PDB file of N, CA and C in Angstrom:
ATOM      1  N   MET A   1     127.801 117.546  85.032  1.00  0.00           N
ATOM      2  CA  MET A   1     128.436 118.743  84.506  1.00  0.00           C
ATOM      3  C   MET A   1     127.693 119.191  83.248  1.00  0.00           C
ATOM      4  N   THR A   2     127.989 120.409  82.817  1.00  0.00           N
ATOM      5  CA  THR A   2     127.278 121.018  81.692  1.00  0.00           C
ATOM      6  C   THR A   2     128.267 121.622  80.710  1.00  0.00           C
ATOM      7  N   ILE A   3     127.958 121.445  79.427  1.00  0.00           N
ATOM      8  CA  ILE A   3     128.666 122.158  78.374  1.00  0.00           C
ATOM      9  C   ILE A   3     127.803 123.362  78.040  1.00  0.00           C
ATOM     10  N   LEU A   4     128.375 124.560  78.071  1.00  0.00           N
ATOM     11  CA  LEU A   4     127.652 125.792  77.769  1.00  0.00           C
ATOM     12  C   LEU A   4     128.163 126.352  76.449  1.00  0.00           C
ATOM     13  N   VAL A   5     127.240 126.689  75.553  1.00  0.00           N
ATOM     14  CA  VAL A   5     127.594 127.271  74.263  1.00  0.00           C
ATOM     15  C   VAL A   5     127.012 128.682  74.193  1.00  0.00           C
ATOM     16  N   ALA A   6     127.858 129.667  73.910  1.00  0.00           N
ATOM     17  CA  ALA A   6     127.396 131.028  73.649  1.00  0.00           C
ATOM     18  C   ALA A   6     127.046 131.103  72.170  1.00  0.00           C
ATOM     19  N   TYR A   7     125.777 131.373  71.862  1.00  0.00           N
ATOM     20  CA  TYR A   7     125.290 131.259  70.488  1.00  0.00           C
ATOM     21  C   TYR A   7     124.841 132.593  69.901  1.00  0.00           C
ATOM     22  N   VAL A   8     125.282 132.840  68.683  1.00  0.00           N
ATOM     23  CA  VAL A   8     124.769 133.920  67.841  1.00  0.00           C
ATOM     24  C   VAL A   8     124.491 133.319  66.470  1.00  0.00           C
ATOM     25  N   ALA A   9     123.571 133.912  65.734  1.00  0.00           N
ATOM     26  CA  ALA A   9     123.175 133.362  64.433  1.00  0.00           C
ATOM     27  C   ALA A   9     124.121 133.840  63.327  1.00  0.00           C
ATOM     28  N   ARG A  10     125.366 133.519  63.492  1.00  0.00           N
ATOM     29  CA  ARG A  10     126.401 133.827  62.500  1.00  0.00           C
ATOM     30  C   ARG A  10     127.278 132.588  62.369  1.00  0.00           C
ATOM     31  N   PRO A  11     128.124 132.530  61.371  1.00  0.00           N
ATOM     32  CA  PRO A  11     128.954 131.335  61.188  1.00  0.00           C
ATOM     33  C   PRO A  11     129.750 130.934  62.431  1.00  0.00           C
ATOM     34  N   GLU A  12     130.272 131.895  63.169  1.00  0.00           N
ATOM     35  CA  GLU A  12     131.040 131.547  64.366  1.00  0.00           C
ATOM     36  C   GLU A  12     130.136 130.959  65.455  1.00  0.00           C
ATOM     37  N   GLY A  13     128.910 131.420  65.554  1.00  0.00           N
ATOM     38  CA  GLY A  13     127.965 130.858  66.517  1.00  0.00           C
ATOM     39  C   GLY A  13     127.566 129.441  66.147  1.00  0.00           C
ATOM     40  N   ARG A  14     127.379 129.212  64.851  1.00  0.00           N
ATOM     41  CA  ARG A  14     127.029 127.860  64.394  1.00  0.00           C
ATOM     42  C   ARG A  14     128.195 126.895  64.618  1.00  0.00           C
ATOM     43  N   ALA A  15     129.426 127.388  64.432  1.00  0.00           N
ATOM     44  CA  ALA A  15     130.606 126.548  64.681  1.00  0.00           C
ATOM     45  C   ALA A  15     130.694 126.195  66.169  1.00  0.00           C
ATOM     46  N   ALA A  16     130.395 127.164  67.043  1.00  0.00           N
ATOM     47  CA  ALA A  16     130.409 126.896  68.482  1.00  0.00           C
ATOM     48  C   ALA A  16     129.331 125.883  68.846  1.00  0.00           C
ATOM     49  N   LEU A  17     128.150 126.005  68.242  1.00  0.00           N
ATOM     50  CA  LEU A  17     127.069 125.060  68.507  1.00  0.00           C
ATOM     51  C   LEU A  17     127.462 123.649  68.072  1.00  0.00           C
ATOM     52  N   ASP A  18     128.020 123.527  66.875  1.00  0.00           N
ATOM     53  CA  ASP A  18     128.454 122.208  66.387  1.00  0.00           C
ATOM     54  C   ASP A  18     129.455 121.568  67.335  1.00  0.00           C
ATOM     55  N   LYS A  19     130.446 122.350  67.771  1.00  0.00           N
ATOM     56  CA  LYS A  19     131.483 121.822  68.663  1.00  0.00           C
ATOM     57  C   LYS A  19     130.899 121.492  70.033  1.00  0.00           C
ATOM     58  N   GLY A  20     130.016 122.327  70.549  1.00  0.00           N
ATOM     59  CA  GLY A  20     129.382 122.051  71.829  1.00  0.00           C
ATOM     60  C   GLY A  20     128.570 120.768  71.796  1.00  0.00           C
ATOM     61  N   ILE A  21     127.834 120.548  70.708  1.00  0.00           N
ATOM     62  CA  ILE A  21     127.068 119.306  70.550  1.00  0.00           C
ATOM     63  C   ILE A  21     128.008 118.113  70.516  1.00  0.00           C
ATOM     64  N   GLU A  22     129.105 118.246  69.767  1.00  0.00           N
ATOM     65  CA  GLU A  22     130.074 117.147  69.668  1.00  0.00           C
ATOM     66  C   GLU A  22     130.646 116.787  71.041  1.00  0.00           C
ATOM     67  N   ILE A  23     131.061 117.792  71.803  1.00  0.00           N
ATOM     68  CA  ILE A  23     131.676 117.546  73.111  1.00  0.00           C
ATOM     69  C   ILE A  23     130.655 116.979  74.099  1.00  0.00           C
ATOM     70  N   ALA A  24     129.482 117.581  74.170  1.00  0.00           N
ATOM     71  CA  ALA A  24     128.467 117.132  75.126  1.00  0.00           C
ATOM     72  C   ALA A  24     128.024 115.706  74.822  1.00  0.00           C
ATOM     73  N   THR A  25     127.877 115.373  73.550  1.00  0.00           N
ATOM     74  CA  THR A  25     127.464 114.019  73.171  1.00  0.00           C
ATOM     75  C   THR A  25     128.554 113.009  73.517  1.00  0.00           C
ATOM     76  N   ARG A  26     129.794 113.350  73.210  1.00  0.00           N
ATOM     77  CA  ARG A  26     130.909 112.441  73.499  1.00  0.00           C
ATOM     78  C   ARG A  26     131.069 112.213  74.999  1.00  0.00           C
ATOM     79  N   ARG A  27     130.890 113.256  75.802  1.00  0.00           N
ATOM     80  CA  ARG A  27     131.063 113.160  77.258  1.00  0.00           C
ATOM     81  C   ARG A  27     129.772 112.761  77.981  1.00  0.00           C
ATOM     82  N   ASN A  28     128.675 112.718  77.244  1.00  0.00           N
ATOM     83  CA  ASN A  28     127.362 112.453  77.820  1.00  0.00           C
ATOM     84  C   ASN A  28     127.045 113.467  78.918  1.00  0.00           C
ATOM     85  N   GLU A  29     127.259 114.740  78.604  1.00  0.00           N
ATOM     86  CA  GLU A  29     126.973 115.830  79.534  1.00  0.00           C
ATOM     87  C   GLU A  29     125.787 116.635  79.029  1.00  0.00           C
ATOM     88  N   ARG A  30     125.174 117.345  79.933  1.00  0.00           N
ATOM     89  CA  ARG A  30     124.076 118.255  79.595  1.00  0.00           C
ATOM     90  C   ARG A  30     124.618 119.378  78.715  1.00  0.00           C
ATOM     91  N   LEU A  31     123.808 119.836  77.759  1.00  0.00           N
ATOM     92  CA  LEU A  31     124.185 120.934  76.875  1.00  0.00           C
ATOM     93  C   LEU A  31     123.212 122.079  77.069  1.00  0.00           C
ATOM     94  N   VAL A  32     123.744 123.267  77.336  1.00  0.00           N
ATOM     95  CA  VAL A  32     122.925 124.470  77.422  1.00  0.00           C
ATOM     96  C   VAL A  32     123.474 125.454  76.392  1.00  0.00           C
ATOM     97  N   VAL A  33     122.586 125.914  75.519  1.00  0.00           N
ATOM     98  CA  VAL A  33     122.936 126.888  74.496  1.00  0.00           C
ATOM     99  C   VAL A  33     122.293 128.202  74.912  1.00  0.00           C
ATOM    100  N   VAL A  34     123.089 129.266  75.003  1.00  0.00           N
ATOM    101  CA  VAL A  34     122.581 130.546  75.469  1.00  0.00           C
ATOM    102  C   VAL A  34     122.797 131.624  74.423  1.00  0.00           C
ATOM    103  N   ASN A  35     121.775 132.467  74.287  1.00  0.00           N
ATOM    104  CA  ASN A  35     121.842 133.655  73.444  1.00  0.00           C
ATOM    105  C   ASN A  35     121.417 134.810  74.342  1.00  0.00           C
ATOM    106  N   ALA A  36     122.243 135.837  74.430  1.00  0.00           N
ATOM    107  CA  ALA A  36     121.948 136.908  75.382  1.00  0.00           C
ATOM    108  C   ALA A  36     122.408 138.256  74.866  1.00  0.00           C
ATOM    109  N   GLY A  37     121.747 139.264  75.333  1.00  0.00           N
ATOM    110  CA  GLY A  37     122.102 140.637  75.038  1.00  0.00           C
ATOM    111  C   GLY A  37     121.247 141.559  75.879  1.00  0.00           C
ATOM    112  N   PRO A  38     121.611 142.845  75.927  1.00  0.00           N
ATOM    113  CA  PRO A  38     120.883 143.763  76.795  1.00  0.00           C
ATOM    114  C   PRO A  38     119.474 144.104  76.305  1.00  0.00           C
ATOM    115  N   GLY A  39     119.238 144.018  74.998  1.00  0.00           N
ATOM    116  CA  GLY A  39     117.930 144.404  74.466  1.00  0.00           C
ATOM    117  C   GLY A  39     117.794 145.913  74.435  1.00  0.00           C
ATOM    118  N   GLY A  40     116.595 146.386  74.170  1.00  0.00           N
ATOM    119  CA  GLY A  40     116.356 147.826  74.172  1.00  0.00           C
ATOM    120  C   GLY A  40     116.684 148.509  72.870  1.00  0.00           C
ATOM    121  N   GLY A  41     117.059 147.782  71.857  1.00  0.00           N
ATOM    122  CA  GLY A  41     117.383 148.379  70.564  1.00  0.00           C
ATOM    123  C   GLY A  41     117.864 147.307  69.632  1.00  0.00           C
ATOM    124  N   PRO A  42     118.242 147.702  68.435  1.00  0.00           N
ATOM    125  CA  PRO A  42     118.725 146.679  67.501  1.00  0.00           C
ATOM    126  C   PRO A  42     120.009 146.036  68.020  1.00  0.00           C
ATOM    127  N   ASP A  43     120.003 144.729  68.076  1.00  0.00           N
ATOM    128  CA  ASP A  43     121.168 143.988  68.567  1.00  0.00           C
ATOM    129  C   ASP A  43     121.329 142.762  67.689  1.00  0.00           C
ATOM    130  N   GLU A  44     122.383 142.735  66.877  1.00  0.00           N
ATOM    131  CA  GLU A  44     122.571 141.623  65.947  1.00  0.00           C
ATOM    132  C   GLU A  44     122.886 140.314  66.647  1.00  0.00           C
ATOM    133  N   ALA A  45     123.234 140.360  67.922  1.00  0.00           N
ATOM    134  CA  ALA A  45     123.541 139.126  68.653  1.00  0.00           C
ATOM    135  C   ALA A  45     122.273 138.376  69.062  1.00  0.00           C
ATOM    136  N   ILE A  46     121.165 139.082  69.223  1.00  0.00           N
ATOM    137  CA  ILE A  46     119.910 138.446  69.649  1.00  0.00           C
ATOM    138  C   ILE A  46     119.287 137.743  68.449  1.00  0.00           C
ATOM    139  N   VAL A  47     119.014 136.460  68.610  1.00  0.00           N
ATOM    140  CA  VAL A  47     118.446 135.688  67.499  1.00  0.00           C
ATOM    141  C   VAL A  47     116.929 135.833  67.474  1.00  0.00           C
ATOM    142  N   ASN A  48     116.366 135.730  66.258  1.00  0.00           N
ATOM    143  CA  ASN A  48     114.921 135.885  66.090  1.00  0.00           C
ATOM    144  C   ASN A  48     114.196 134.574  66.382  1.00  0.00           C
ATOM    145  N   GLY A  49     112.879 134.641  66.368  1.00  0.00           N
ATOM    146  CA  GLY A  49     112.059 133.479  66.704  1.00  0.00           C
ATOM    147  C   GLY A  49     112.304 132.284  65.808  1.00  0.00           C
ATOM    148  N   TYR A  50     112.481 132.526  64.507  1.00  0.00           N
ATOM    149  CA  TYR A  50     112.734 131.419  63.582  1.00  0.00           C
ATOM    150  C   TYR A  50     114.029 130.701  63.951  1.00  0.00           C
ATOM    151  N   GLU A  51     115.071 131.464  64.236  1.00  0.00           N
ATOM    152  CA  GLU A  51     116.370 130.870  64.574  1.00  0.00           C
ATOM    153  C   GLU A  51     116.290 130.118  65.900  1.00  0.00           C
ATOM    154  N   VAL A  52     115.563 130.661  66.877  1.00  0.00           N
ATOM    155  CA  VAL A  52     115.373 129.971  68.157  1.00  0.00           C
ATOM    156  C   VAL A  52     114.705 128.623  67.909  1.00  0.00           C
ATOM    157  N   GLU A  53     113.665 128.627  67.090  1.00  0.00           N
ATOM    158  CA  GLU A  53     112.954 127.387  66.779  1.00  0.00           C
ATOM    159  C   GLU A  53     113.868 126.374  66.089  1.00  0.00           C
ATOM    160  N   ARG A  54     114.673 126.853  65.158  1.00  0.00           N
ATOM    161  CA  ARG A  54     115.600 125.978  64.438  1.00  0.00           C
ATOM    162  C   ARG A  54     116.591 125.318  65.401  1.00  0.00           C
ATOM    163  N   VAL A  55     117.171 126.103  66.318  1.00  0.00           N
ATOM    164  CA  VAL A  55     118.127 125.559  67.282  1.00  0.00           C
ATOM    165  C   VAL A  55     117.427 124.589  68.236  1.00  0.00           C
ATOM    166  N   GLU A  56     116.258 124.954  68.729  1.00  0.00           N
ATOM    167  CA  GLU A  56     115.530 124.064  69.648  1.00  0.00           C
ATOM    168  C   GLU A  56     115.176 122.735  68.983  1.00  0.00           C
ATOM    169  N   GLU A  57     114.790 122.768  67.711  1.00  0.00           N
ATOM    170  CA  GLU A  57     114.492 121.523  66.996  1.00  0.00           C
ATOM    171  C   GLU A  57     115.737 120.654  66.878  1.00  0.00           C
ATOM    172  N   ARG A  58     116.873 121.287  66.616  1.00  0.00           N
ATOM    173  CA  ARG A  58     118.124 120.523  66.521  1.00  0.00           C
ATOM    174  C   ARG A  58     118.474 119.903  67.863  1.00  0.00           C
ATOM    175  N   LEU A  59     118.334 120.648  68.933  1.00  0.00           N
ATOM    176  CA  LEU A  59     118.657 120.140  70.267  1.00  0.00           C
ATOM    177  C   LEU A  59     117.726 118.995  70.667  1.00  0.00           C
ATOM    178  N   ALA A  60     116.479 119.042  70.224  1.00  0.00           N
ATOM    179  CA  ALA A  60     115.504 118.008  70.580  1.00  0.00           C
ATOM    180  C   ALA A  60     115.862 116.646  69.987  1.00  0.00           C
ATOM    181  N   THR A  61     116.670 116.633  68.935  1.00  0.00           N
ATOM    182  CA  THR A  61     117.041 115.359  68.298  1.00  0.00           C
ATOM    183  C   THR A  61     118.263 114.710  68.940  1.00  0.00           C
ATOM    184  N   LEU A  62     118.890 115.384  69.882  1.00  0.00           N
ATOM    185  CA  LEU A  62     120.135 114.874  70.473  1.00  0.00           C
ATOM    186  C   LEU A  62     119.853 113.778  71.498  1.00  0.00           C
ATOM    187  N   PRO A  63     120.811 112.855  71.672  1.00  0.00           N
ATOM    188  CA  PRO A  63     120.647 111.778  72.652  1.00  0.00           C
ATOM    189  C   PRO A  63     121.011 112.197  74.076  1.00  0.00           C
ATOM    190  N   ILE A  64     121.214 113.486  74.299  1.00  0.00           N
ATOM    191  CA  ILE A  64     121.583 114.020  75.615  1.00  0.00           C
ATOM    192  C   ILE A  64     120.563 115.072  76.023  1.00  0.00           C
ATOM    193  N   GLN A  65     120.618 115.466  77.276  1.00  0.00           N
ATOM    194  CA  GLN A  65     119.762 116.561  77.742  1.00  0.00           C
ATOM    195  C   GLN A  65     120.315 117.863  77.180  1.00  0.00           C
ATOM    196  N   ALA A  66     119.454 118.629  76.477  1.00  0.00           N
ATOM    197  CA  ALA A  66     119.905 119.876  75.857  1.00  0.00           C
ATOM    198  C   ALA A  66     118.780 120.899  75.896  1.00  0.00           C
ATOM    199  N   GLU A  67     119.159 122.157  76.108  1.00  0.00           N
ATOM    200  CA  GLU A  67     118.156 123.215  76.129  1.00  0.00           C
ATOM    201  C   GLU A  67     118.741 124.523  75.617  1.00  0.00           C
ATOM    202  N   PHE A  68     117.841 125.387  75.150  1.00  0.00           N
ATOM    203  CA  PHE A  68     118.199 126.705  74.645  1.00  0.00           C
ATOM    204  C   PHE A  68     117.649 127.739  75.613  1.00  0.00           C
ATOM    205  N   LYS A  69     118.481 128.715  75.966  1.00  0.00           N
ATOM    206  CA  LYS A  69     118.051 129.810  76.835  1.00  0.00           C
ATOM    207  C   LYS A  69     118.361 131.124  76.127  1.00  0.00           C
ATOM    208  N   GLN A  70     117.406 132.046  76.193  1.00  0.00           N
ATOM    209  CA  GLN A  70     117.637 133.372  75.617  1.00  0.00           C
ATOM    210  C   GLN A  70     117.325 134.412  76.680  1.00  0.00           C
ATOM    211  N   PHE A  71     118.254 135.342  76.871  1.00  0.00           N
ATOM    212  CA  PHE A  71     118.088 136.401  77.860  1.00  0.00           C
ATOM    213  C   PHE A  71     118.191 137.755  77.187  1.00  0.00           C
ATOM    214  N   VAL A  72     117.140 138.556  77.316  1.00  0.00           N
ATOM    215  CA  VAL A  72     117.125 139.930  76.825  1.00  0.00           C
ATOM    216  C   VAL A  72     116.489 140.746  77.943  1.00  0.00           C
ATOM    217  N   ARG A  73     117.271 140.992  78.981  1.00  0.00           N
ATOM    218  CA  ARG A  73     116.694 141.626  80.167  1.00  0.00           C
ATOM    219  C   ARG A  73     117.559 142.742  80.741  1.00  0.00           C
ATOM    220  N   GLY A  74     118.337 143.385  79.886  1.00  0.00           N
ATOM    221  CA  GLY A  74     119.107 144.537  80.327  1.00  0.00           C
ATOM    222  C   GLY A  74     120.531 144.255  80.736  1.00  0.00           C
ATOM    223  N   ASN A  75     120.901 142.988  80.884  1.00  0.00           N
ATOM    224  CA  ASN A  75     122.274 142.634  81.244  1.00  0.00           C
ATOM    225  C   ASN A  75     123.093 142.388  79.986  1.00  0.00           C
ATOM    226  N   SER A  76     124.382 142.561  80.097  1.00  0.00           N
ATOM    227  CA  SER A  76     125.247 142.255  78.955  1.00  0.00           C
ATOM    228  C   SER A  76     125.323 140.744  78.766  1.00  0.00           C
ATOM    229  N   ALA A  77     125.687 140.340  77.559  1.00  0.00           N
ATOM    230  CA  ALA A  77     125.864 138.914  77.274  1.00  0.00           C
ATOM    231  C   ALA A  77     126.907 138.321  78.216  1.00  0.00           C
ATOM    232  N   ILE A  78     127.943 139.060  78.505  1.00  0.00           N
ATOM    233  CA  ILE A  78     129.012 138.575  79.378  1.00  0.00           C
ATOM    234  C   ILE A  78     128.479 138.305  80.786  1.00  0.00           C
ATOM    235  N   ASP A  79     127.672 139.235  81.316  1.00  0.00           N
ATOM    236  CA  ASP A  79     127.102 139.035  82.652  1.00  0.00           C
ATOM    237  C   ASP A  79     126.202 137.801  82.689  1.00  0.00           C
ATOM    238  N   GLU A  80     125.406 137.613  81.641  1.00  0.00           N
ATOM    239  CA  GLU A  80     124.515 136.443  81.585  1.00  0.00           C
ATOM    240  C   GLU A  80     125.325 135.148  81.522  1.00  0.00           C
ATOM    241  N   ILE A  81     126.377 135.141  80.709  1.00  0.00           N
ATOM    242  CA  ILE A  81     127.209 133.941  80.569  1.00  0.00           C
ATOM    243  C   ILE A  81     127.926 133.623  81.873  1.00  0.00           C
ATOM    244  N   VAL A  82     128.499 134.627  82.499  1.00  0.00           N
ATOM    245  CA  VAL A  82     129.184 134.411  83.779  1.00  0.00           C
ATOM    246  C   VAL A  82     128.205 133.862  84.819  1.00  0.00           C
ATOM    247  N   GLY A  83     127.005 134.397  84.858  1.00  0.00           N
ATOM    248  CA  GLY A  83     125.998 133.903  85.793  1.00  0.00           C
ATOM    249  C   GLY A  83     125.662 132.439  85.557  1.00  0.00           C
ATOM    250  N   LEU A  84     125.527 132.050  84.284  1.00  0.00           N
ATOM    251  CA  LEU A  84     125.242 130.654  83.971  1.00  0.00           C
ATOM    252  C   LEU A  84     126.420 129.750  84.327  1.00  0.00           C
ATOM    253  N   VAL A  85     127.625 130.198  84.037  1.00  0.00           N
ATOM    254  CA  VAL A  85     128.815 129.395  84.368  1.00  0.00           C
ATOM    255  C   VAL A  85     128.847 129.126  85.874  1.00  0.00           C
ATOM    256  N   GLU A  86     128.527 130.125  86.652  1.00  0.00           N
ATOM    257  CA  GLU A  86     128.580 129.972  88.102  1.00  0.00           C
ATOM    258  C   GLU A  86     127.439 129.110  88.642  1.00  0.00           C
ATOM    259  N   SER A  87     126.282 129.107  87.979  1.00  0.00           N
ATOM    260  CA  SER A  87     125.129 128.381  88.526  1.00  0.00           C
ATOM    261  C   SER A  87     124.940 126.971  87.962  1.00  0.00           C
ATOM    262  N   LEU A  88     125.568 126.647  86.832  1.00  0.00           N
ATOM    263  CA  LEU A  88     125.305 125.371  86.164  1.00  0.00           C
ATOM    264  C   LEU A  88     126.414 124.326  86.271  1.00  0.00           C
ATOM    265  N   GLN A  89     127.461 124.581  86.994  1.00  0.00           N
ATOM    266  CA  GLN A  89     128.597 123.659  87.045  1.00  0.00           C
ATOM    267  C   GLN A  89     129.090 123.358  85.625  1.00  0.00           C
ATOM    268  N   VAL A  90     129.524 124.399  84.948  1.00  0.00           N
ATOM    269  CA  VAL A  90     129.971 124.284  83.557  1.00  0.00           C
ATOM    270  C   VAL A  90     131.373 123.705  83.515  1.00  0.00           C
ATOM    271  N   SER A  91     131.536 122.642  82.723  1.00  0.00           N
ATOM    272  CA  SER A  91     132.861 122.048  82.567  1.00  0.00           C
ATOM    273  C   SER A  91     133.626 122.727  81.437  1.00  0.00           C
ATOM    274  N   VAL A  92     132.923 123.175  80.393  1.00  0.00           N
ATOM    275  CA  VAL A  92     133.549 123.878  79.272  1.00  0.00           C
ATOM    276  C   VAL A  92     132.546 124.875  78.698  1.00  0.00           C
ATOM    277  N   LEU A  93     133.015 126.087  78.443  1.00  0.00           N
ATOM    278  CA  LEU A  93     132.245 127.091  77.721  1.00  0.00           C
ATOM    279  C   LEU A  93     132.790 127.142  76.299  1.00  0.00           C
ATOM    280  N   VAL A  94     131.913 127.015  75.305  1.00  0.00           N
ATOM    281  CA  VAL A  94     132.325 127.050  73.906  1.00  0.00           C
ATOM    282  C   VAL A  94     131.841 128.357  73.291  1.00  0.00           C
ATOM    283  N   ILE A  95     132.778 129.115  72.704  1.00  0.00           N
ATOM    284  CA  ILE A  95     132.439 130.374  72.045  1.00  0.00           C
ATOM    285  C   ILE A  95     132.983 130.354  70.624  1.00  0.00           C
ATOM    286  N   GLY A  96     132.366 131.112  69.769  1.00  0.00           N
ATOM    287  CA  GLY A  96     132.845 131.251  68.399  1.00  0.00           C
ATOM    288  C   GLY A  96     133.626 132.545  68.248  1.00  0.00           C
ATOM    289  N   LEU A  97     134.623 132.509  67.395  1.00  0.00           N
ATOM    290  CA  LEU A  97     135.434 133.695  67.126  1.00  0.00           C
ATOM    291  C   LEU A  97     135.266 134.120  65.678  1.00  0.00           C
ATOM    292  N   ARG A  98     135.262 135.415  65.461  1.00  0.00           N
ATOM    293  CA  ARG A  98     135.253 135.912  64.092  1.00  0.00           C
ATOM    294  C   ARG A  98     136.490 136.760  63.868  1.00  0.00           C
ATOM    295  N   LYS A  99     136.898 136.806  62.639  1.00  0.00           N
ATOM    296  CA  LYS A  99     138.095 137.573  62.301  1.00  0.00           C
ATOM    297  C   LYS A  99     137.759 139.058  62.315  1.00  0.00           C
ATOM    298  N   ARG A 100     138.606 139.816  62.996  1.00  0.00           N
ATOM    299  CA  ARG A 100     138.432 141.261  63.056  1.00  0.00           C
ATOM    300  C   ARG A 100     139.775 141.927  62.855  1.00  0.00           C
ATOM    301  N   THR A 101     139.739 143.131  62.335  1.00  0.00           N
ATOM    302  CA  THR A 101     140.975 143.882  62.133  1.00  0.00           C
ATOM    303  C   THR A 101     141.469 144.388  63.490  1.00  0.00           C
ATOM    304  N   ALA A 102     142.723 144.772  63.534  1.00  0.00           N
ATOM    305  CA  ALA A 102     143.292 145.309  64.776  1.00  0.00           C
ATOM    306  C   ALA A 102     142.559 146.580  65.195  1.00  0.00           C
ATOM    307  N   VAL A 103     142.216 147.425  64.236  1.00  0.00           N
ATOM    308  CA  VAL A 103     141.484 148.652  64.551  1.00  0.00           C
ATOM    309  C   VAL A 103     140.086 148.312  65.077  1.00  0.00           C
ATOM    310  N   GLY A 104     139.450 147.314  64.482  1.00  0.00           N
ATOM    311  CA  GLY A 104     138.133 146.884  64.955  1.00  0.00           C
ATOM    312  C   GLY A 104     138.185 146.406  66.395  1.00  0.00           C
ATOM    313  N   LYS A 105     139.222 145.677  66.736  1.00  0.00           N
ATOM    314  CA  LYS A 105     139.379 145.193  68.110  1.00  0.00           C
ATOM    315  C   LYS A 105     139.613 146.361  69.075  1.00  0.00           C
ATOM    316  N   LEU A 106     140.402 147.327  68.628  1.00  0.00           N
ATOM    317  CA  LEU A 106     140.719 148.474  69.474  1.00  0.00           C
ATOM    318  C   LEU A 106     139.480 149.331  69.726  1.00  0.00           C
ATOM    319  N   LEU A 107     138.713 149.620  68.684  1.00  0.00           N
ATOM    320  CA  LEU A 107     137.567 150.500  68.814  1.00  0.00           C
ATOM    321  C   LEU A 107     136.369 149.840  69.479  1.00  0.00           C
ATOM    322  N   LEU A 108     136.127 148.599  69.174  1.00  0.00           N
ATOM    323  CA  LEU A 108     134.915 147.943  69.633  1.00  0.00           C
ATOM    324  C   LEU A 108     135.121 147.051  70.853  1.00  0.00           C
ATOM    325  N   GLY A 109     136.356 146.779  71.213  1.00  0.00           N
ATOM    326  CA  GLY A 109     136.591 145.838  72.293  1.00  0.00           C
ATOM    327  C   GLY A 109     136.335 144.432  71.794  1.00  0.00           C
ATOM    328  N   SER A 110     136.484 143.451  72.627  1.00  0.00           N
ATOM    329  CA  SER A 110     136.277 142.083  72.197  1.00  0.00           C
ATOM    330  C   SER A 110     135.490 141.335  73.260  1.00  0.00           C
ATOM    331  N   THR A 111     134.269 140.981  72.915  1.00  0.00           N
ATOM    332  CA  THR A 111     133.444 140.210  73.837  1.00  0.00           C
ATOM    333  C   THR A 111     134.130 138.893  74.172  1.00  0.00           C
ATOM    334  N   ALA A 112     134.678 138.254  73.141  1.00  0.00           N
ATOM    335  CA  ALA A 112     135.364 136.977  73.365  1.00  0.00           C
ATOM    336  C   ALA A 112     136.517 137.142  74.352  1.00  0.00           C
ATOM    337  N   GLN A 113     137.300 138.195  74.196  1.00  0.00           N
ATOM    338  CA  GLN A 113     138.422 138.423  75.103  1.00  0.00           C
ATOM    339  C   GLN A 113     137.923 138.648  76.529  1.00  0.00           C
ATOM    340  N   GLU A 114     136.854 139.406  76.687  1.00  0.00           N
ATOM    341  CA  GLU A 114     136.328 139.654  78.029  1.00  0.00           C
ATOM    342  C   GLU A 114     135.810 138.361  78.657  1.00  0.00           C
ATOM    343  N   ILE A 115     135.165 137.526  77.848  1.00  0.00           N
ATOM    344  CA  ILE A 115     134.705 136.237  78.359  1.00  0.00           C
ATOM    345  C   ILE A 115     135.901 135.399  78.811  1.00  0.00           C
ATOM    346  N   LEU A 116     136.940 135.335  77.969  1.00  0.00           N
ATOM    347  CA  LEU A 116     138.128 134.553  78.309  1.00  0.00           C
ATOM    348  C   LEU A 116     138.751 135.003  79.626  1.00  0.00           C
ATOM    349  N   MET A 117     138.714 136.303  79.879  1.00  0.00           N
ATOM    350  CA  MET A 117     139.356 136.839  81.071  1.00  0.00           C
ATOM    351  C   MET A 117     138.452 136.790  82.301  1.00  0.00           C
ATOM    352  N   THR A 118     137.144 136.557  82.115  1.00  0.00           N
ATOM    353  CA  THR A 118     136.195 136.672  83.204  1.00  0.00           C
ATOM    354  C   THR A 118     135.696 135.342  83.754  1.00  0.00           C
ATOM    355  N   VAL A 119     135.371 134.395  82.881  1.00  0.00           N
ATOM    356  CA  VAL A 119     134.729 133.166  83.365  1.00  0.00           C
ATOM    357  C   VAL A 119     135.722 132.262  84.104  1.00  0.00           C
ATOM    358  N   PRO A 120     135.231 131.585  85.148  1.00  0.00           N
ATOM    359  CA  PRO A 120     136.104 130.736  85.954  1.00  0.00           C
ATOM    360  C   PRO A 120     136.133 129.263  85.504  1.00  0.00           C
ATOM    361  N   CYS A 121     135.936 129.018  84.223  1.00  0.00           N
ATOM    362  CA  CYS A 121     135.968 127.642  83.721  1.00  0.00           C
ATOM    363  C   CYS A 121     136.772 127.624  82.423  1.00  0.00           C
ATOM    364  N   PRO A 122     137.151 126.450  81.945  1.00  0.00           N
ATOM    365  CA  PRO A 122     137.847 126.360  80.664  1.00  0.00           C
ATOM    366  C   PRO A 122     136.951 126.895  79.529  1.00  0.00           C
ATOM    367  N   VAL A 123     137.579 127.570  78.581  1.00  0.00           N
ATOM    368  CA  VAL A 123     136.860 128.128  77.437  1.00  0.00           C
ATOM    369  C   VAL A 123     137.496 127.559  76.167  1.00  0.00           C
ATOM    370  N   LEU A 124     136.641 127.037  75.291  1.00  0.00           N
ATOM    371  CA  LEU A 124     137.084 126.570  73.984  1.00  0.00           C
ATOM    372  C   LEU A 124     136.587 127.563  72.953  1.00  0.00           C
ATOM    373  N   ALA A 125     137.506 128.189  72.246  1.00  0.00           N
ATOM    374  CA  ALA A 125     137.155 129.156  71.206  1.00  0.00           C
ATOM    375  C   ALA A 125     137.328 128.479  69.841  1.00  0.00           C
ATOM    376  N   VAL A 126     136.280 128.519  69.033  1.00  0.00           N
ATOM    377  CA  VAL A 126     136.326 127.885  67.719  1.00  0.00           C
ATOM    378  C   VAL A 126     136.105 128.930  66.637  1.00  0.00           C
ATOM    379  N   LYS A 127     136.679 128.673  65.472  1.00  0.00           N
ATOM    380  CA  LYS A 127     136.495 129.547  64.313  1.00  0.00           C
ATOM    381  C   LYS A 127     135.515 128.886  63.360  1.00  0.00           C
ATOM    382  N   ALA A 128     134.816 129.719  62.621  1.00  0.00           N
ATOM    383  CA  ALA A 128     133.929 129.188  61.591  1.00  0.00           C
ATOM    384  C   ALA A 128     134.786 128.602  60.475  1.00  0.00           C
ATOM    385  N   GLY A 129     134.348 127.431  59.964  1.00  0.00           N
ATOM    386  CA  GLY A 129     135.093 126.679  58.973  1.00  0.00           C
ATOM    387  C   GLY A 129     135.222 127.363  57.687  1.00  0.00           C
TER     388      GLY A 129
END
């Protein structure tokens, strides 16, 4: 089985990564960390090369099989995550949550909420400490 972490270079993404590492190590499961977005313009969810390198170096030190995947190919992050959940036998998807106002949720929608309603596996949502 696989633990899948949806990663962004923000405190909530780092909290999800920490929790995903903890769970995968404890269960001795494979860990896949994914960063995804449609691309084609400025997207704060897509991590830069330095951040990718930092995460990959951290994953390389783990006692379990772990890898980082980044997708910027025109699909939404949700579509990429759902595809991975379906193809990797994911036991738990770990996502980070950030605090947003009610108006912010109404106007912008909620990626986390859409993930919770879409993926066919258990989802663990964590907050940044």
